[in-house]
């Protein structure tokens, strides 16, 4: 187990280094002179020269990259060129909103997706399966922005059941916090629930046709034990993979949902930084997102053996 952990940590470290290179070069490949974007209206040669000297734009790319990596390792991602606020402080205020929204959306996807997938597999060829497949198709087909607008129109404006926008911290008022996040979490989790439902149904059908399921039924085990303990548990490997990958996607893909519901999260900050050409913020956002993907994938790989002990990962002794 130790050798596998070291191997995965090494692979994650190499991936993270490659991610920093892509982030660094990608930001500098954006069209236009960053000094002009930083200068605003003060675009005389002296001001531009001072900005280039301050941010090291005249240095070689290798030196700039080393400075970027060394500062990032200490938690220094620079300052916003628009507000002069440290990027780490901006991330610290915005990221918890997105993480909470993504966690709630993931919970919605698990409850709806896994539940509907199990029902569709167990009730194969019956109306319950047709209804689950129809809901999954709708979830995959309807864009989040349209669903969000319709939810605001009918559930916020027309009925007043949920707030149309805004955010309240969980530590300030937990009830109001959940009241503000339920609607965007459902909107964000609908598409993922459809994906989880399809994968759960497919894995459950394969598991229900396996020999060990027939053996369990022949021993007289009840349907709940056969389905919930044996079939579902062995079907969760694929589902966990999907959830792990999609969790990183939720963190980076909540841009539209947060914008629609006016949430001060990661997505809103990213869009504002792109529109304002705030390069340090863009760089920090992409770096944090890439790191989140790497960490989540690492945790997903470790979760496989917990779900099904028969799985032997590469490097793990039998």
C-alpha atoms as a PDB file:
ATOM      1  CA  UNK A   1       0.000   0.000   0.000  1.00  0.00           C
ATOM      2  CA  UNK A   2       2.847   2.364   0.823  1.00  0.00           C
ATOM      3  CA  UNK A   3       4.459   1.873  -2.576  1.00  0.00           C
ATOM      4  CA  UNK A   4       1.166   2.642  -4.303  1.00  0.00           C
ATOM      5  CA  UNK A   5       0.661   5.807  -2.259  1.00  0.00           C
ATOM      6  CA  UNK A   6       4.175   6.993  -3.067  1.00  0.00           C
ATOM      7  CA  UNK A   7       3.632   6.231  -6.750  1.00  0.00           C
ATOM      8  CA  UNK A   8       0.351   8.142  -6.866  1.00  0.00           C
ATOM      9  CA  UNK A   9       1.844  11.056  -4.944  1.00  0.00           C
ATOM     10  CA  UNK A  10       4.714  11.203  -7.422  1.00  0.00           C
ATOM     11  CA  UNK A  11       2.322  11.148 -10.375  1.00  0.00           C
ATOM     12  CA  UNK A  12       0.204  13.858  -8.772  1.00  0.00           C
ATOM     13  CA  UNK A  13       3.276  16.024  -8.160  1.00  0.00           C
ATOM     14  CA  UNK A  14       4.381  15.684 -11.790  1.00  0.00           C
ATOM     15  CA  UNK A  15       0.875  16.510 -12.991  1.00  0.00           C
ATOM     16  CA  UNK A  16       0.771  19.564 -10.749  1.00  0.00           C
ATOM     17  CA  UNK A  17       4.093  20.805 -12.138  1.00  0.00           C
ATOM     18  CA  UNK A  18       2.778  20.399 -15.685  1.00  0.00           C
ATOM     19  CA  UNK A  19      -0.386  22.234 -14.649  1.00  0.00           C
ATOM     20  CA  UNK A  20       1.630  25.183 -13.349  1.00  0.00           C
ATOM     21  CA  UNK A  21       3.478  25.359 -16.677  1.00  0.00           C
ATOM     22  CA  UNK A  22       0.221  25.341 -18.632  1.00  0.00           C
ATOM     23  CA  UNK A  23      -1.303  27.987 -16.339  1.00  0.00           C
ATOM     24  CA  UNK A  24       1.780  30.206 -16.576  1.00  0.00           C
ATOM     25  CA  UNK A  25       2.105  29.979 -20.360  1.00  0.00           C
ATOM     26  CA  UNK A  26      -1.650  30.127 -20.958  1.00  0.00           C
ATOM     27  CA  UNK A  27      -2.072  33.425 -19.115  1.00  0.00           C
ATOM     28  CA  UNK A  28       0.862  34.948 -20.960  1.00  0.00           C
ATOM     29  CA  UNK A  29      -0.511  33.732 -24.287  1.00  0.00           C
ATOM     30  CA  UNK A  30      -3.589  35.927 -23.896  1.00  0.00           C
ATOM     31  CA  UNK A  31      -3.718  38.614 -26.610  1.00  0.00           C
ATOM     32  CA  UNK A  32      -2.582  42.106 -25.749  1.00  0.00           C
ATOM     33  CA  UNK A  33       0.130  43.622 -23.589  1.00  0.00           C
ATOM     34  CA  UNK A  34      -0.525  42.894 -19.891  1.00  0.00           C
ATOM     35  CA  UNK A  35       1.216  46.146 -18.985  1.00  0.00           C
ATOM     36  CA  UNK A  36      -1.450  48.040 -20.928  1.00  0.00           C
ATOM     37  CA  UNK A  37      -4.198  46.198 -19.054  1.00  0.00           C
ATOM     38  CA  UNK A  38      -2.530  46.970 -15.721  1.00  0.00           C
ATOM     39  CA  UNK A  39      -1.943  50.632 -16.592  1.00  0.00           C
ATOM     40  CA  UNK A  40      -5.577  51.537 -17.255  1.00  0.00           C
ATOM     41  CA  UNK A  41      -5.677  55.133 -18.411  1.00  0.00           C
ATOM     42  CA  UNK A  42      -2.060  55.861 -17.396  1.00  0.00           C
ATOM     43  CA  UNK A  43      -0.431  54.618 -20.586  1.00  0.00           C
ATOM     44  CA  UNK A  44       2.518  56.941 -20.997  1.00  0.00           C
ATOM     45  CA  UNK A  45       5.877  55.218 -21.658  1.00  0.00           C
ATOM     46  CA  UNK A  46       7.179  55.944 -18.167  1.00  0.00           C
ATOM     47  CA  UNK A  47       4.172  54.327 -16.489  1.00  0.00           C
ATOM     48  CA  UNK A  48       4.351  51.279 -18.756  1.00  0.00           C
ATOM     49  CA  UNK A  49       8.068  50.896 -18.068  1.00  0.00           C
ATOM     50  CA  UNK A  50       7.446  51.114 -14.321  1.00  0.00           C
ATOM     51  CA  UNK A  51       4.724  48.458 -14.514  1.00  0.00           C
ATOM     52  CA  UNK A  52       6.929  46.096 -16.531  1.00  0.00           C
ATOM     53  CA  UNK A  53       9.729  46.551 -14.017  1.00  0.00           C
ATOM     54  CA  UNK A  54       7.390  46.028 -11.039  1.00  0.00           C
ATOM     55  CA  UNK A  55       5.831  42.818 -12.341  1.00  0.00           C
ATOM     56  CA  UNK A  56       8.951  41.532 -14.116  1.00  0.00           C
ATOM     57  CA  UNK A  57       7.419  41.428 -17.587  1.00  0.00           C
ATOM     58  CA  UNK A  58      10.809  42.246 -19.110  1.00  0.00           C
ATOM     59  CA  UNK A  59      12.444  39.230 -17.468  1.00  0.00           C
ATOM     60  CA  UNK A  60      12.858  35.912 -19.259  1.00  0.00           C
ATOM     61  CA  UNK A  61       9.962  33.450 -19.167  1.00  0.00           C
ATOM     62  CA  UNK A  62      12.063  31.000 -17.168  1.00  0.00           C
ATOM     63  CA  UNK A  63      12.767  33.600 -14.481  1.00  0.00           C
ATOM     64  CA  UNK A  64       9.109  34.666 -14.410  1.00  0.00           C
ATOM     65  CA  UNK A  65       8.010  31.038 -14.067  1.00  0.00           C
ATOM     66  CA  UNK A  66      10.441  30.401 -11.226  1.00  0.00           C
ATOM     67  CA  UNK A  67       9.175  33.502  -9.433  1.00  0.00           C
ATOM     68  CA  UNK A  68       5.576  32.373  -9.938  1.00  0.00           C
ATOM     69  CA  UNK A  69       6.209  28.855  -8.595  1.00  0.00           C
ATOM     70  CA  UNK A  70       8.329  29.936  -5.643  1.00  0.00           C
ATOM     71  CA  UNK A  71       5.743  32.479  -4.534  1.00  0.00           C
ATOM     72  CA  UNK A  72       2.864  30.024  -5.059  1.00  0.00           C
ATOM     73  CA  UNK A  73       4.552  27.492  -2.780  1.00  0.00           C
ATOM     74  CA  UNK A  74       4.472  30.074   0.000  1.00  0.00           C
ATOM     75  CA  UNK A  75       0.807  30.907  -0.672  1.00  0.00           C
ATOM     76  CA  UNK A  76       1.573  34.180  -2.443  1.00  0.00           C
ATOM     77  CA  UNK A  77      -0.438  34.330  -5.668  1.00  0.00           C
ATOM     78  CA  UNK A  78       0.072  38.041  -6.132  1.00  0.00           C
ATOM     79  CA  UNK A  79      -2.406  40.896  -5.893  1.00  0.00           C
ATOM     80  CA  UNK A  80      -5.387  41.791  -8.013  1.00  0.00           C
ATOM     81  CA  UNK A  81      -4.487  44.501 -10.509  1.00  0.00           C
ATOM     82  CA  UNK A  82      -7.940  46.053 -10.093  1.00  0.00           C
ATOM     83  CA  UNK A  83      -8.487  46.008  -6.342  1.00  0.00           C
ATOM     84  CA  UNK A  84      -4.912  45.470  -5.062  1.00  0.00           C
ATOM     85  CA  UNK A  85      -6.322  42.777  -2.745  1.00  0.00           C
ATOM     86  CA  UNK A  86      -4.161  39.639  -2.347  1.00  0.00           C
ATOM     87  CA  UNK A  87      -5.430  36.868  -4.626  1.00  0.00           C
ATOM     88  CA  UNK A  88      -5.277  34.373  -1.758  1.00  0.00           C
ATOM     89  CA  UNK A  89      -7.691  36.534   0.241  1.00  0.00           C
ATOM     90  CA  UNK A  90     -10.070  36.725  -2.718  1.00  0.00           C
ATOM     91  CA  UNK A  91      -9.916  32.959  -3.169  1.00  0.00           C
ATOM     92  CA  UNK A  92     -10.433  32.397   0.552  1.00  0.00           C
ATOM     93  CA  UNK A  93     -13.652  34.434   0.472  1.00  0.00           C
ATOM     94  CA  UNK A  94     -15.045  33.018  -2.779  1.00  0.00           C
ATOM     95  CA  UNK A  95     -14.007  29.372  -2.661  1.00  0.00           C
ATOM     96  CA  UNK A  96     -16.106  28.349   0.396  1.00  0.00           C
ATOM     97  CA  UNK A  97     -19.253  29.522  -1.406  1.00  0.00           C
ATOM     98  CA  UNK A  98     -18.465  27.371  -4.444  1.00  0.00           C
ATOM     99  CA  UNK A  99     -17.403  24.381  -2.345  1.00  0.00           C
ATOM    100  CA  UNK A 100     -20.660  24.484  -0.373  1.00  0.00           C
ATOM    101  CA  UNK A 101     -22.713  24.866  -3.543  1.00  0.00           C
ATOM    102  CA  UNK A 102     -20.819  22.002  -5.217  1.00  0.00           C
ATOM    103  CA  UNK A 103     -21.215  19.753  -2.171  1.00  0.00           C
ATOM    104  CA  UNK A 104     -24.974  20.357  -2.073  1.00  0.00           C
ATOM    105  CA  UNK A 105     -25.234  19.793  -5.840  1.00  0.00           C
ATOM    106  CA  UNK A 106     -23.263  16.567  -5.443  1.00  0.00           C
ATOM    107  CA  UNK A 107     -25.657  15.451  -2.706  1.00  0.00           C
ATOM    108  CA  UNK A 108     -28.615  16.168  -4.990  1.00  0.00           C
ATOM    109  CA  UNK A 109     -26.957  14.179  -7.778  1.00  0.00           C
ATOM    110  CA  UNK A 110     -26.226  11.205  -5.510  1.00  0.00           C
ATOM    111  CA  UNK A 111     -29.709  11.016  -4.015  1.00  0.00           C
ATOM    112  CA  UNK A 112     -31.549  11.422  -7.315  1.00  0.00           C
ATOM    113  CA  UNK A 113     -29.057   9.717  -9.631  1.00  0.00           C
ATOM    114  CA  UNK A 114     -28.234   6.631  -7.581  1.00  0.00           C
ATOM    115  CA  UNK A 115     -31.837   6.183  -6.471  1.00  0.00           C
ATOM    116  CA  UNK A 116     -33.257   6.477  -9.979  1.00  0.00           C
ATOM    117  CA  UNK A 117     -30.501   4.263 -11.383  1.00  0.00           C
ATOM    118  CA  UNK A 118     -31.219   1.481  -8.913  1.00  0.00           C
ATOM    119  CA  UNK A 119     -34.962   1.683  -9.570  1.00  0.00           C
ATOM    120  CA  UNK A 120     -34.391   1.640 -13.347  1.00  0.00           C
ATOM    121  CA  UNK A 121     -32.183  -1.447 -13.081  1.00  0.00           C
ATOM    122  CA  UNK A 122     -34.396  -3.374 -10.681  1.00  0.00           C
ATOM    123  CA  UNK A 123     -37.595  -2.459 -12.568  1.00  0.00           C
ATOM    124  CA  UNK A 124     -36.146  -3.065 -15.999  1.00  0.00           C
ATOM    125  CA  UNK A 125     -38.717  -3.004 -18.785  1.00  0.00           C
ATOM    126  CA  UNK A 126     -41.364  -1.451 -16.548  1.00  0.00           C
ATOM    127  CA  UNK A 127     -42.820   2.076 -16.392  1.00  0.00           C
ATOM    128  CA  UNK A 128     -40.428   3.000 -13.572  1.00  0.00           C
ATOM    129  CA  UNK A 129     -37.446   2.459 -15.880  1.00  0.00           C
ATOM    130  CA  UNK A 130     -39.058   4.449 -18.686  1.00  0.00           C
ATOM    131  CA  UNK A 131     -39.748   7.332 -16.326  1.00  0.00           C
ATOM    132  CA  UNK A 132     -36.184   7.279 -14.980  1.00  0.00           C
ATOM    133  CA  UNK A 133     -34.714   7.218 -18.503  1.00  0.00           C
ATOM    134  CA  UNK A 134     -36.971  10.087 -19.563  1.00  0.00           C
ATOM    135  CA  UNK A 135     -35.902  12.179 -16.569  1.00  0.00           C
ATOM    136  CA  UNK A 136     -32.247  11.403 -17.279  1.00  0.00           C
ATOM    137  CA  UNK A 137     -32.652  12.465 -20.901  1.00  0.00           C
ATOM    138  CA  UNK A 138     -34.273  15.716 -19.800  1.00  0.00           C
ATOM    139  CA  UNK A 139     -31.494  16.339 -17.295  1.00  0.00           C
ATOM    140  CA  UNK A 140     -28.845  15.863 -19.971  1.00  0.00           C
ATOM    141  CA  UNK A 141     -30.692  17.944 -22.560  1.00  0.00           C
ATOM    142  CA  UNK A 142     -31.762  21.016 -20.579  1.00  0.00           C
ATOM    143  CA  UNK A 143     -28.994  23.624 -20.148  1.00  0.00           C
ATOM    144  CA  UNK A 144     -28.308  24.806 -16.615  1.00  0.00           C
ATOM    145  CA  UNK A 145     -28.761  28.463 -17.513  1.00  0.00           C
ATOM    146  CA  UNK A 146     -32.277  27.864 -18.885  1.00  0.00           C
ATOM    147  CA  UNK A 147     -33.262  25.700 -15.934  1.00  0.00           C
ATOM    148  CA  UNK A 148     -31.895  28.324 -13.559  1.00  0.00           C
ATOM    149  CA  UNK A 149     -33.866  31.111 -15.209  1.00  0.00           C
ATOM    150  CA  UNK A 150     -37.071  29.056 -15.141  1.00  0.00           C
ATOM    151  CA  UNK A 151     -36.496  28.177 -11.490  1.00  0.00           C
ATOM    152  CA  UNK A 152     -36.072  31.851 -10.603  1.00  0.00           C
ATOM    153  CA  UNK A 153     -39.132  32.811 -12.635  1.00  0.00           C
ATOM    154  CA  UNK A 154     -41.529  30.231 -11.181  1.00  0.00           C
ATOM    155  CA  UNK A 155     -40.098  29.384  -7.748  1.00  0.00           C
ATOM    156  CA  UNK A 156     -38.742  32.792  -6.757  1.00  0.00           C
ATOM    157  CA  UNK A 157     -40.574  35.551  -8.598  1.00  0.00           C
ATOM    158  CA  UNK A 158     -43.983  33.909  -9.037  1.00  0.00           C
ATOM    159  CA  UNK A 159     -44.309  32.010  -5.747  1.00  0.00           C
ATOM    160  CA  UNK A 160     -41.600  33.488  -3.529  1.00  0.00           C
ATOM    161  CA  UNK A 161     -40.598  30.069  -2.204  1.00  0.00           C
ATOM    162  CA  UNK A 162     -36.874  30.714  -2.636  1.00  0.00           C
ATOM    163  CA  UNK A 163     -34.688  33.842  -2.901  1.00  0.00           C
ATOM    164  CA  UNK A 164     -33.859  34.822  -6.466  1.00  0.00           C
ATOM    165  CA  UNK A 165     -30.295  35.848  -5.617  1.00  0.00           C
ATOM    166  CA  UNK A 166     -27.905  36.619  -2.805  1.00  0.00           C
ATOM    167  CA  UNK A 167     -25.935  34.633  -0.258  1.00  0.00           C
ATOM    168  CA  UNK A 168     -25.840  34.349   3.525  1.00  0.00           C
ATOM    169  CA  UNK A 169     -22.919  32.731   5.327  1.00  0.00           C
ATOM    170  CA  UNK A 170     -23.616  29.409   7.018  1.00  0.00           C
ATOM    171  CA  UNK A 171     -21.990  30.647  10.227  1.00  0.00           C
ATOM    172  CA  UNK A 172     -24.171  33.743  10.215  1.00  0.00           C
ATOM    173  CA  UNK A 173     -27.513  32.002   9.644  1.00  0.00           C
ATOM    174  CA  UNK A 174     -27.508  28.282   8.680  1.00  0.00           C
ATOM    175  CA  UNK A 175     -31.212  28.198   7.791  1.00  0.00           C
ATOM    176  CA  UNK A 176     -31.009  31.243   5.541  1.00  0.00           C
ATOM    177  CA  UNK A 177     -27.801  29.890   4.030  1.00  0.00           C
ATOM    178  CA  UNK A 178     -29.487  26.658   2.935  1.00  0.00           C
ATOM    179  CA  UNK A 179     -32.567  28.584   1.814  1.00  0.00           C
ATOM    180  CA  UNK A 180     -30.422  30.600  -0.590  1.00  0.00           C
ATOM    181  CA  UNK A 181     -28.440  27.592  -1.879  1.00  0.00           C
ATOM    182  CA  UNK A 182     -31.127  24.936  -2.336  1.00  0.00           C
ATOM    183  CA  UNK A 183     -32.368  26.236  -5.672  1.00  0.00           C
ATOM    184  CA  UNK A 184     -28.946  26.747  -7.320  1.00  0.00           C
ATOM    185  CA  UNK A 185     -27.774  23.384  -5.927  1.00  0.00           C
ATOM    186  CA  UNK A 186     -30.734  21.590  -7.518  1.00  0.00           C
ATOM    187  CA  UNK A 187     -30.142  23.397 -10.812  1.00  0.00           C
ATOM    188  CA  UNK A 188     -26.423  22.572 -10.785  1.00  0.00           C
ATOM    189  CA  UNK A 189     -26.917  18.974  -9.664  1.00  0.00           C
ATOM    190  CA  UNK A 190     -29.613  18.074 -12.207  1.00  0.00           C
ATOM    191  CA  UNK A 191     -27.242  17.417 -15.094  1.00  0.00           C
ATOM    192  CA  UNK A 192     -24.882  15.398 -12.898  1.00  0.00           C
ATOM    193  CA  UNK A 193     -27.812  13.408 -11.508  1.00  0.00           C
ATOM    194  CA  UNK A 194     -28.696  12.342 -15.054  1.00  0.00           C
ATOM    195  CA  UNK A 195     -25.135  11.140 -15.677  1.00  0.00           C
ATOM    196  CA  UNK A 196     -25.025   9.292 -12.344  1.00  0.00           C
ATOM    197  CA  UNK A 197     -28.394   7.688 -13.055  1.00  0.00           C
ATOM    198  CA  UNK A 198     -27.252   6.301 -16.400  1.00  0.00           C
ATOM    199  CA  UNK A 199     -23.987   4.958 -14.985  1.00  0.00           C
ATOM    200  CA  UNK A 200     -25.692   3.453 -11.929  1.00  0.00           C
ATOM    201  CA  UNK A 201     -28.310   1.737 -14.054  1.00  0.00           C
ATOM    202  CA  UNK A 202     -25.674   0.274 -16.386  1.00  0.00           C
ATOM    203  CA  UNK A 203     -23.477  -0.962 -13.530  1.00  0.00           C
ATOM    204  CA  UNK A 204     -26.448  -2.384 -11.618  1.00  0.00           C
ATOM    205  CA  UNK A 205     -27.684  -4.319 -14.645  1.00  0.00           C
ATOM    206  CA  UNK A 206     -24.251  -5.861 -15.055  1.00  0.00           C
ATOM    207  CA  UNK A 207     -24.035  -6.699 -11.348  1.00  0.00           C
ATOM    208  CA  UNK A 208     -27.539  -8.181 -11.176  1.00  0.00           C
ATOM    209  CA  UNK A 209     -26.605 -10.617 -13.945  1.00  0.00           C
ATOM    210  CA  UNK A 210     -23.446 -11.822 -12.193  1.00  0.00           C
ATOM    211  CA  UNK A 211     -23.033 -15.275 -10.699  1.00  0.00           C
ATOM    212  CA  UNK A 212     -22.551 -14.045  -7.122  1.00  0.00           C
ATOM    213  CA  UNK A 213     -25.976 -12.375  -7.216  1.00  0.00           C
ATOM    214  CA  UNK A 214     -27.621 -15.625  -8.309  1.00  0.00           C
ATOM    215  CA  UNK A 215     -25.750 -17.408  -5.527  1.00  0.00           C
ATOM    216  CA  UNK A 216     -26.914 -14.834  -2.972  1.00  0.00           C
ATOM    217  CA  UNK A 217     -30.512 -15.285  -4.080  1.00  0.00           C
ATOM    218  CA  UNK A 218     -30.164 -19.065  -4.003  1.00  0.00           C
ATOM    219  CA  UNK A 219     -29.033 -18.818  -0.374  1.00  0.00           C
ATOM    220  CA  UNK A 220     -32.341 -17.139   0.440  1.00  0.00           C
ATOM    221  CA  UNK A 221     -31.085 -13.604   1.028  1.00  0.00           C
ATOM    222  CA  UNK A 222     -33.767 -10.963   0.832  1.00  0.00           C
ATOM    223  CA  UNK A 223     -34.077  -8.496  -2.062  1.00  0.00           C
ATOM    224  CA  UNK A 224     -32.880  -5.588   0.061  1.00  0.00           C
ATOM    225  CA  UNK A 225     -29.690  -7.414   1.019  1.00  0.00           C
ATOM    226  CA  UNK A 226     -29.028  -8.645  -2.510  1.00  0.00           C
ATOM    227  CA  UNK A 227     -29.610  -5.261  -4.117  1.00  0.00           C
ATOM    228  CA  UNK A 228     -28.360  -2.889  -1.435  1.00  0.00           C
ATOM    229  CA  UNK A 229     -25.387  -4.799  -0.041  1.00  0.00           C
ATOM    230  CA  UNK A 230     -24.091  -6.918  -2.909  1.00  0.00           C
ATOM    231  CA  UNK A 231     -25.192  -5.433  -6.232  1.00  0.00           C
ATOM    232  CA  UNK A 232     -25.106  -1.743  -5.354  1.00  0.00           C
ATOM    233  CA  UNK A 233     -21.799  -1.853  -3.524  1.00  0.00           C
ATOM    234  CA  UNK A 234     -20.059  -3.514  -6.462  1.00  0.00           C
ATOM    235  CA  UNK A 235     -21.669  -1.025  -8.834  1.00  0.00           C
ATOM    236  CA  UNK A 236     -20.366   2.007  -6.983  1.00  0.00           C
ATOM    237  CA  UNK A 237     -16.827   1.802  -8.383  1.00  0.00           C
ATOM    238  CA  UNK A 238     -17.874   3.328 -11.696  1.00  0.00           C
ATOM    239  CA  UNK A 239     -20.206   5.767  -9.951  1.00  0.00           C
ATOM    240  CA  UNK A 240     -17.438   6.998  -7.635  1.00  0.00           C
ATOM    241  CA  UNK A 241     -15.224   7.614 -10.653  1.00  0.00           C
ATOM    242  CA  UNK A 242     -17.914   9.732 -12.271  1.00  0.00           C
ATOM    243  CA  UNK A 243     -18.620  11.617  -9.055  1.00  0.00           C
ATOM    244  CA  UNK A 244     -14.945  12.284  -8.422  1.00  0.00           C
ATOM    245  CA  UNK A 245     -14.366  13.695 -11.869  1.00  0.00           C
ATOM    246  CA  UNK A 246     -17.593  15.670 -11.838  1.00  0.00           C
ATOM    247  CA  UNK A 247     -16.876  17.194  -8.426  1.00  0.00           C
ATOM    248  CA  UNK A 248     -13.886  18.984  -9.898  1.00  0.00           C
ATOM    249  CA  UNK A 249     -16.091  19.960 -12.817  1.00  0.00           C
ATOM    250  CA  UNK A 250     -18.708  21.350 -10.452  1.00  0.00           C
ATOM    251  CA  UNK A 251     -16.141  23.592  -8.764  1.00  0.00           C
ATOM    252  CA  UNK A 252     -14.981  25.034 -12.065  1.00  0.00           C
ATOM    253  CA  UNK A 253     -18.305  24.738 -13.882  1.00  0.00           C
ATOM    254  CA  UNK A 254     -20.475  26.600 -11.390  1.00  0.00           C
ATOM    255  CA  UNK A 255     -19.694  29.818 -13.265  1.00  0.00           C
ATOM    256  CA  UNK A 256     -23.052  30.132 -15.010  1.00  0.00           C
ATOM    257  CA  UNK A 257     -25.142  29.031 -12.030  1.00  0.00           C
ATOM    258  CA  UNK A 258     -23.400  31.419  -9.658  1.00  0.00           C
ATOM    259  CA  UNK A 259     -23.802  34.233 -12.140  1.00  0.00           C
ATOM    260  CA  UNK A 260     -27.531  33.593 -12.555  1.00  0.00           C
ATOM    261  CA  UNK A 261     -28.217  33.417  -8.823  1.00  0.00           C
ATOM    262  CA  UNK A 262     -25.829  36.214  -7.884  1.00  0.00           C
ATOM    263  CA  UNK A 263     -23.638  34.078  -5.628  1.00  0.00           C
ATOM    264  CA  UNK A 264     -20.260  35.596  -4.672  1.00  0.00           C
ATOM    265  CA  UNK A 265     -18.366  32.424  -5.469  1.00  0.00           C
ATOM    266  CA  UNK A 266     -15.555  31.125  -7.614  1.00  0.00           C
ATOM    267  CA  UNK A 267     -17.473  31.447 -10.867  1.00  0.00           C
ATOM    268  CA  UNK A 268     -18.420  35.078 -10.455  1.00  0.00           C
ATOM    269  CA  UNK A 269     -14.870  35.995  -9.471  1.00  0.00           C
ATOM    270  CA  UNK A 270     -13.508  34.159 -12.518  1.00  0.00           C
ATOM    271  CA  UNK A 271     -15.799  35.939 -14.949  1.00  0.00           C
ATOM    272  CA  UNK A 272     -15.051  39.320 -13.414  1.00  0.00           C
ATOM    273  CA  UNK A 273     -11.315  38.639 -13.666  1.00  0.00           C
ATOM    274  CA  UNK A 274     -11.583  37.604 -17.325  1.00  0.00           C
ATOM    275  CA  UNK A 275     -13.650  40.652 -18.277  1.00  0.00           C
ATOM    276  CA  UNK A 276     -11.277  42.967 -16.397  1.00  0.00           C
ATOM    277  CA  UNK A 277      -8.145  41.167 -17.626  1.00  0.00           C
ATOM    278  CA  UNK A 278      -7.014  40.682 -14.048  1.00  0.00           C
ATOM    279  CA  UNK A 279      -4.147  38.293 -14.808  1.00  0.00           C
ATOM    280  CA  UNK A 280      -3.073  37.387 -11.238  1.00  0.00           C
ATOM    281  CA  UNK A 281      -6.640  36.411 -10.322  1.00  0.00           C
ATOM    282  CA  UNK A 282      -7.071  34.334 -13.503  1.00  0.00           C
ATOM    283  CA  UNK A 283      -3.760  32.620 -12.796  1.00  0.00           C
ATOM    284  CA  UNK A 284      -4.729  31.853  -9.210  1.00  0.00           C
ATOM    285  CA  UNK A 285      -8.180  30.571 -10.154  1.00  0.00           C
ATOM    286  CA  UNK A 286      -6.863  28.169 -12.786  1.00  0.00           C
ATOM    287  CA  UNK A 287      -4.091  26.941 -10.500  1.00  0.00           C
ATOM    288  CA  UNK A 288      -6.496  26.217  -7.640  1.00  0.00           C
ATOM    289  CA  UNK A 289      -8.922  24.463 -10.008  1.00  0.00           C
ATOM    290  CA  UNK A 290      -6.165  22.270 -11.453  1.00  0.00           C
ATOM    291  CA  UNK A 291      -4.966  21.400  -7.949  1.00  0.00           C
ATOM    292  CA  UNK A 292      -8.527  20.470  -6.949  1.00  0.00           C
ATOM    293  CA  UNK A 293      -8.800  18.078  -9.904  1.00  0.00           C
ATOM    294  CA  UNK A 294      -5.511  16.393  -9.012  1.00  0.00           C
ATOM    295  CA  UNK A 295      -6.384  15.982  -5.326  1.00  0.00           C
ATOM    296  CA  UNK A 296      -9.881  14.679  -6.085  1.00  0.00           C
ATOM    297  CA  UNK A 297      -8.575  12.115  -8.578  1.00  0.00           C
ATOM    298  CA  UNK A 298      -6.026  10.950  -6.019  1.00  0.00           C
ATOM    299  CA  UNK A 299      -8.739  10.499  -3.381  1.00  0.00           C
ATOM    300  CA  UNK A 300     -10.989   8.678  -5.841  1.00  0.00           C
ATOM    301  CA  UNK A 301      -8.237   6.158  -6.616  1.00  0.00           C
ATOM    302  CA  UNK A 302      -7.799   5.476  -2.910  1.00  0.00           C
ATOM    303  CA  UNK A 303     -11.547   5.050  -2.426  1.00  0.00           C
ATOM    304  CA  UNK A 304     -11.766   2.113  -4.856  1.00  0.00           C
ATOM    305  CA  UNK A 305     -10.237  -0.397  -2.449  1.00  0.00           C
ATOM    306  CA  UNK A 306     -12.554   0.777   0.333  1.00  0.00           C
ATOM    307  CA  UNK A 307     -15.647   0.145  -1.780  1.00  0.00           C
ATOM    308  CA  UNK A 308     -14.550  -3.253  -3.046  1.00  0.00           C
ATOM    309  CA  UNK A 309     -11.639  -4.923  -1.188  1.00  0.00           C
ATOM    310  CA  UNK A 310     -11.199  -7.410  -4.065  1.00  0.00           C
ATOM    311  CA  UNK A 311      -9.808  -4.646  -6.228  1.00  0.00           C
ATOM    312  CA  UNK A 312      -6.029  -4.643  -6.205  1.00  0.00           C
ATOM    313  CA  UNK A 313      -4.610  -1.381  -7.398  1.00  0.00           C
ATOM    314  CA  UNK A 314      -1.292  -1.290  -9.169  1.00  0.00           C
ATOM    315  CA  UNK A 315       1.499  -1.425  -6.672  1.00  0.00           C
ATOM    316  CA  UNK A 316      -0.666  -2.719  -3.811  1.00  0.00           C
ATOM    317  CA  UNK A 317       0.447  -6.169  -2.658  1.00  0.00           C
ATOM    318  CA  UNK A 318      -2.158  -8.928  -2.663  1.00  0.00           C
END
